[in-house]
Amino acid sequence: TELTGMAVLRWCQETRIDWHYIAPGKPMQNAFVESFNGSFRDELLNETLFTSLAEARATIIAWKEDYNHNRPHSSLGNLTPQEFAMKSRLETRAA
């Protein structure tokens, strides 16, 4: 809704996060999100038949932990997202 959108924009300004509009039907404008969604769909959603919402939540949490903590990403110089974030924090402190 409009109020939610304004709250998000205000939060982005307060936290100095850039806001970029992505046009509908333009997946190359957000390739990293499309890549994540493709991995999530291909590796988990298309391969798993959940029997309950609780099972789906637990399985998705486990997949997310693996994706963010154990799996290297070529777009991050073959670091895991956790390693990349830690390296970025250290570089920011050193600067």
N, C-alpha and C. Protein backbone atom coordinates (compact mmCIF):
# COMPACT_ATOMS: atom_id res chain seq x y z
N THR A 1 0.83 -1.18 0.00
CA THR A 1 0.00 0.00 0.00
C THR A 1 0.88 1.25 0.00
N GLU A 2 0.24 2.35 -0.20
CA GLU A 2 0.99 3.61 -0.25
C GLU A 2 1.69 3.91 1.08
N LEU A 3 1.02 3.65 2.20
CA LEU A 3 1.63 3.92 3.51
C LEU A 3 2.83 3.02 3.76
N THR A 4 2.72 1.76 3.38
CA THR A 4 3.85 0.84 3.54
C THR A 4 5.01 1.29 2.68
N GLY A 5 4.71 1.67 1.43
CA GLY A 5 5.75 2.13 0.53
C GLY A 5 6.47 3.35 1.07
N MET A 6 5.74 4.27 1.64
CA MET A 6 6.35 5.47 2.21
C MET A 6 7.22 5.11 3.42
N ALA A 7 6.78 4.15 4.22
CA ALA A 7 7.57 3.72 5.38
C ALA A 7 8.88 3.08 4.92
N VAL A 8 8.81 2.28 3.87
CA VAL A 8 10.02 1.65 3.33
C VAL A 8 10.97 2.71 2.79
N LEU A 9 10.45 3.66 2.04
CA LEU A 9 11.29 4.74 1.50
C LEU A 9 11.95 5.55 2.63
N ARG A 10 11.19 5.85 3.67
CA ARG A 10 11.74 6.60 4.80
C ARG A 10 12.85 5.80 5.48
N TRP A 11 12.61 4.50 5.68
CA TRP A 11 13.63 3.64 6.29
C TRP A 11 14.88 3.60 5.43
N CYS A 12 14.73 3.51 4.12
CA CYS A 12 15.89 3.50 3.22
C CYS A 12 16.68 4.79 3.35
N GLN A 13 16.00 5.90 3.44
CA GLN A 13 16.69 7.19 3.60
C GLN A 13 17.43 7.25 4.93
N GLU A 14 16.78 6.80 5.99
CA GLU A 14 17.39 6.85 7.32
C GLU A 14 18.61 5.94 7.43
N THR A 15 18.59 4.82 6.73
CA THR A 15 19.70 3.86 6.80
C THR A 15 20.67 4.01 5.63
N ARG A 16 20.44 5.02 4.81
CA ARG A 16 21.31 5.32 3.66
C ARG A 16 21.40 4.16 2.68
N ILE A 17 20.27 3.56 2.43
CA ILE A 17 20.17 2.49 1.44
C ILE A 17 19.58 3.08 0.17
N ASP A 18 20.25 2.82 -0.96
CA ASP A 18 19.74 3.32 -2.23
C ASP A 18 18.51 2.54 -2.65
N TRP A 19 17.53 3.24 -3.16
CA TRP A 19 16.28 2.65 -3.63
C TRP A 19 16.30 2.72 -5.15
N HIS A 20 16.12 1.58 -5.81
CA HIS A 20 16.12 1.55 -7.27
C HIS A 20 14.83 0.90 -7.75
N TYR A 21 14.19 1.55 -8.68
CA TYR A 21 12.97 1.01 -9.28
C TYR A 21 13.36 -0.03 -10.31
N ILE A 22 12.69 -1.16 -10.30
CA ILE A 22 12.91 -2.22 -11.29
C ILE A 22 11.64 -2.34 -12.10
N ALA A 23 11.77 -2.12 -13.39
CA ALA A 23 10.62 -2.16 -14.28
C ALA A 23 10.08 -3.58 -14.39
N PRO A 24 8.77 -3.74 -14.44
CA PRO A 24 8.20 -5.07 -14.64
C PRO A 24 8.70 -5.69 -15.94
N GLY A 25 9.00 -6.98 -15.89
CA GLY A 25 9.45 -7.69 -17.09
C GLY A 25 10.89 -7.41 -17.48
N LYS A 26 11.68 -6.87 -16.55
CA LYS A 26 13.09 -6.55 -16.82
C LYS A 26 13.98 -7.29 -15.81
N PRO A 27 14.10 -8.62 -15.92
CA PRO A 27 14.85 -9.38 -14.92
C PRO A 27 16.33 -9.02 -14.85
N MET A 28 16.90 -8.48 -15.91
CA MET A 28 18.32 -8.12 -15.86
C MET A 28 18.57 -6.93 -14.95
N GLN A 29 17.54 -6.18 -14.61
CA GLN A 29 17.71 -5.05 -13.70
C GLN A 29 17.90 -5.51 -12.25
N ASN A 30 17.57 -6.76 -11.98
CA ASN A 30 17.79 -7.31 -10.64
C ASN A 30 18.28 -8.75 -10.76
N ALA A 31 19.37 -8.92 -11.51
CA ALA A 31 19.87 -10.25 -11.83
C ALA A 31 20.21 -11.07 -10.58
N PHE A 32 20.74 -10.42 -9.53
CA PHE A 32 21.10 -11.18 -8.33
C PHE A 32 19.87 -11.76 -7.65
N VAL A 33 18.76 -11.04 -7.68
CA VAL A 33 17.52 -11.57 -7.09
C VAL A 33 16.99 -12.71 -7.95
N GLU A 34 17.03 -12.53 -9.26
CA GLU A 34 16.59 -13.59 -10.17
C GLU A 34 17.44 -14.84 -9.98
N SER A 35 18.74 -14.66 -9.79
CA SER A 35 19.64 -15.80 -9.57
C SER A 35 19.28 -16.53 -8.28
N PHE A 36 19.06 -15.77 -7.21
CA PHE A 36 18.66 -16.38 -5.94
C PHE A 36 17.34 -17.14 -6.09
N ASN A 37 16.36 -16.48 -6.69
CA ASN A 37 15.05 -17.12 -6.86
C ASN A 37 15.15 -18.39 -7.68
N GLY A 38 16.00 -18.38 -8.72
CA GLY A 38 16.19 -19.57 -9.54
C GLY A 38 16.80 -20.71 -8.74
N SER A 39 17.83 -20.40 -7.95
CA SER A 39 18.46 -21.43 -7.11
C SER A 39 17.46 -21.97 -6.09
N PHE A 40 16.74 -21.08 -5.45
CA PHE A 40 15.76 -21.48 -4.45
C PHE A 40 14.70 -22.40 -5.05
N ARG A 41 14.20 -22.02 -6.21
CA ARG A 41 13.17 -22.81 -6.88
C ARG A 41 13.73 -24.16 -7.34
N ASP A 42 14.89 -24.13 -8.04
CA ASP A 42 15.44 -25.36 -8.62
C ASP A 42 15.96 -26.34 -7.58
N GLU A 43 16.59 -25.83 -6.54
CA GLU A 43 17.22 -26.70 -5.55
C GLU A 43 16.30 -27.14 -4.43
N LEU A 44 15.26 -26.37 -4.19
CA LEU A 44 14.41 -26.70 -3.04
C LEU A 44 12.95 -26.87 -3.42
N LEU A 45 12.35 -25.83 -3.94
CA LEU A 45 10.90 -25.87 -4.16
C LEU A 45 10.48 -26.92 -5.18
N ASN A 46 11.24 -27.07 -6.26
CA ASN A 46 10.88 -28.05 -7.29
C ASN A 46 11.23 -29.48 -6.88
N GLU A 47 12.04 -29.63 -5.84
CA GLU A 47 12.53 -30.95 -5.44
C GLU A 47 11.88 -31.48 -4.17
N THR A 48 11.07 -30.68 -3.51
CA THR A 48 10.57 -31.05 -2.19
C THR A 48 9.05 -30.98 -2.14
N LEU A 49 8.46 -32.03 -1.62
CA LEU A 49 7.02 -32.04 -1.38
C LEU A 49 6.82 -31.88 0.13
N PHE A 50 6.36 -30.73 0.53
CA PHE A 50 6.16 -30.46 1.95
C PHE A 50 4.82 -31.03 2.40
N THR A 51 4.82 -31.60 3.59
CA THR A 51 3.57 -32.16 4.12
C THR A 51 2.89 -31.23 5.11
N SER A 52 3.60 -30.17 5.51
CA SER A 52 3.00 -29.20 6.43
C SER A 52 3.74 -27.87 6.30
N LEU A 53 3.11 -26.84 6.79
CA LEU A 53 3.74 -25.52 6.80
C LEU A 53 4.97 -25.54 7.71
N ALA A 54 4.88 -26.23 8.82
CA ALA A 54 6.02 -26.32 9.74
C ALA A 54 7.21 -27.00 9.06
N GLU A 55 6.95 -28.05 8.31
CA GLU A 55 8.03 -28.73 7.59
C GLU A 55 8.63 -27.80 6.53
N ALA A 56 7.79 -27.08 5.82
CA ALA A 56 8.28 -26.15 4.80
C ALA A 56 9.16 -25.09 5.44
N ARG A 57 8.72 -24.52 6.55
CA ARG A 57 9.51 -23.49 7.23
C ARG A 57 10.87 -24.03 7.68
N ALA A 58 10.88 -25.20 8.30
CA ALA A 58 12.13 -25.78 8.79
C ALA A 58 13.08 -26.09 7.64
N THR A 59 12.55 -26.64 6.56
CA THR A 59 13.38 -26.98 5.41
C THR A 59 13.94 -25.73 4.75
N ILE A 60 13.13 -24.70 4.62
CA ILE A 60 13.58 -23.45 4.01
C ILE A 60 14.64 -22.78 4.89
N ILE A 61 14.47 -22.80 6.19
CA ILE A 61 15.47 -22.22 7.10
C ILE A 61 16.80 -22.95 6.94
N ALA A 62 16.76 -24.28 6.87
CA ALA A 62 18.00 -25.06 6.70
C ALA A 62 18.66 -24.73 5.37
N TRP A 63 17.86 -24.62 4.30
CA TRP A 63 18.41 -24.28 2.98
C TRP A 63 19.05 -22.89 3.01
N LYS A 64 18.37 -21.94 3.64
CA LYS A 64 18.87 -20.57 3.72
C LYS A 64 20.18 -20.52 4.50
N GLU A 65 20.27 -21.27 5.59
CA GLU A 65 21.52 -21.32 6.37
C GLU A 65 22.66 -21.85 5.51
N ASP A 66 22.41 -22.92 4.77
CA ASP A 66 23.44 -23.47 3.89
C ASP A 66 23.83 -22.46 2.82
N TYR A 67 22.84 -21.82 2.22
CA TYR A 67 23.07 -20.85 1.14
C TYR A 67 23.91 -19.68 1.63
N ASN A 68 23.64 -19.20 2.83
CA ASN A 68 24.31 -18.00 3.35
C ASN A 68 25.59 -18.27 4.12
N HIS A 69 25.78 -19.48 4.65
CA HIS A 69 26.92 -19.73 5.52
C HIS A 69 27.91 -20.75 4.99
N ASN A 70 27.49 -21.66 4.12
CA ASN A 70 28.37 -22.73 3.68
C ASN A 70 28.73 -22.68 2.20
N ARG A 71 27.90 -22.07 1.41
CA ARG A 71 28.06 -22.14 -0.04
C ARG A 71 28.78 -20.91 -0.59
N PRO A 72 29.93 -21.13 -1.27
CA PRO A 72 30.60 -19.99 -1.90
C PRO A 72 29.80 -19.50 -3.11
N HIS A 73 29.88 -18.20 -3.35
CA HIS A 73 29.17 -17.59 -4.48
C HIS A 73 30.21 -16.95 -5.40
N SER A 74 30.15 -17.28 -6.67
CA SER A 74 31.12 -16.73 -7.62
C SER A 74 31.03 -15.21 -7.68
N SER A 75 29.85 -14.66 -7.52
CA SER A 75 29.68 -13.21 -7.57
C SER A 75 30.32 -12.50 -6.38
N LEU A 76 30.69 -13.27 -5.35
CA LEU A 76 31.33 -12.70 -4.16
C LEU A 76 32.79 -13.13 -4.06
N GLY A 77 33.39 -13.44 -5.21
CA GLY A 77 34.79 -13.87 -5.21
C GLY A 77 34.97 -15.23 -4.58
N ASN A 78 33.98 -16.10 -4.74
CA ASN A 78 33.97 -17.45 -4.19
C ASN A 78 34.03 -17.48 -2.66
N LEU A 79 33.49 -16.43 -2.05
CA LEU A 79 33.29 -16.41 -0.60
C LEU A 79 31.84 -16.74 -0.32
N THR A 80 31.57 -17.20 0.89
CA THR A 80 30.17 -17.34 1.29
C THR A 80 29.65 -15.93 1.61
N PRO A 81 28.34 -15.71 1.57
CA PRO A 81 27.83 -14.40 1.95
C PRO A 81 28.28 -13.98 3.35
N GLN A 82 28.35 -14.91 4.27
CA GLN A 82 28.79 -14.60 5.62
C GLN A 82 30.25 -14.13 5.61
N GLU A 83 31.12 -14.84 4.87
CA GLU A 83 32.52 -14.44 4.78
C GLU A 83 32.66 -13.07 4.11
N PHE A 84 31.87 -12.85 3.07
CA PHE A 84 31.92 -11.58 2.35
C PHE A 84 31.51 -10.42 3.26
N ALA A 85 30.45 -10.62 4.03
CA ALA A 85 29.99 -9.58 4.96
C ALA A 85 31.05 -9.29 6.01
N MET A 86 31.68 -10.33 6.54
CA MET A 86 32.71 -10.14 7.55
C MET A 86 33.91 -9.39 6.95
N LYS A 87 34.32 -9.78 5.75
CA LYS A 87 35.43 -9.11 5.08
C LYS A 87 35.09 -7.64 4.83
N SER A 88 33.88 -7.36 4.41
CA SER A 88 33.45 -5.98 4.15
C SER A 88 33.47 -5.15 5.43
N ARG A 89 33.01 -5.74 6.54
CA ARG A 89 33.03 -5.01 7.82
C ARG A 89 34.47 -4.70 8.24
N LEU A 90 35.37 -5.67 8.07
CA LEU A 90 36.77 -5.45 8.44
C LEU A 90 37.40 -4.37 7.58
N GLU A 91 37.10 -4.39 6.28
CA GLU A 91 37.65 -3.38 5.38
C GLU A 91 37.09 -2.00 5.69
N THR A 92 35.83 -1.94 6.09
CA THR A 92 35.21 -0.66 6.44
C THR A 92 35.85 -0.09 7.70
N ARG A 93 36.11 -0.95 8.68
CA ARG A 93 36.74 -0.49 9.92
C ARG A 93 38.17 -0.01 9.67
N ALA A 94 38.87 -0.69 8.76
CA ALA A 94 40.26 -0.33 8.47
C ALA A 94 40.36 0.97 7.68
N ALA A 95 39.29 1.34 6.99
CA ALA A 95 39.33 2.54 6.14
C ALA A 95 39.20 3.82 6.93
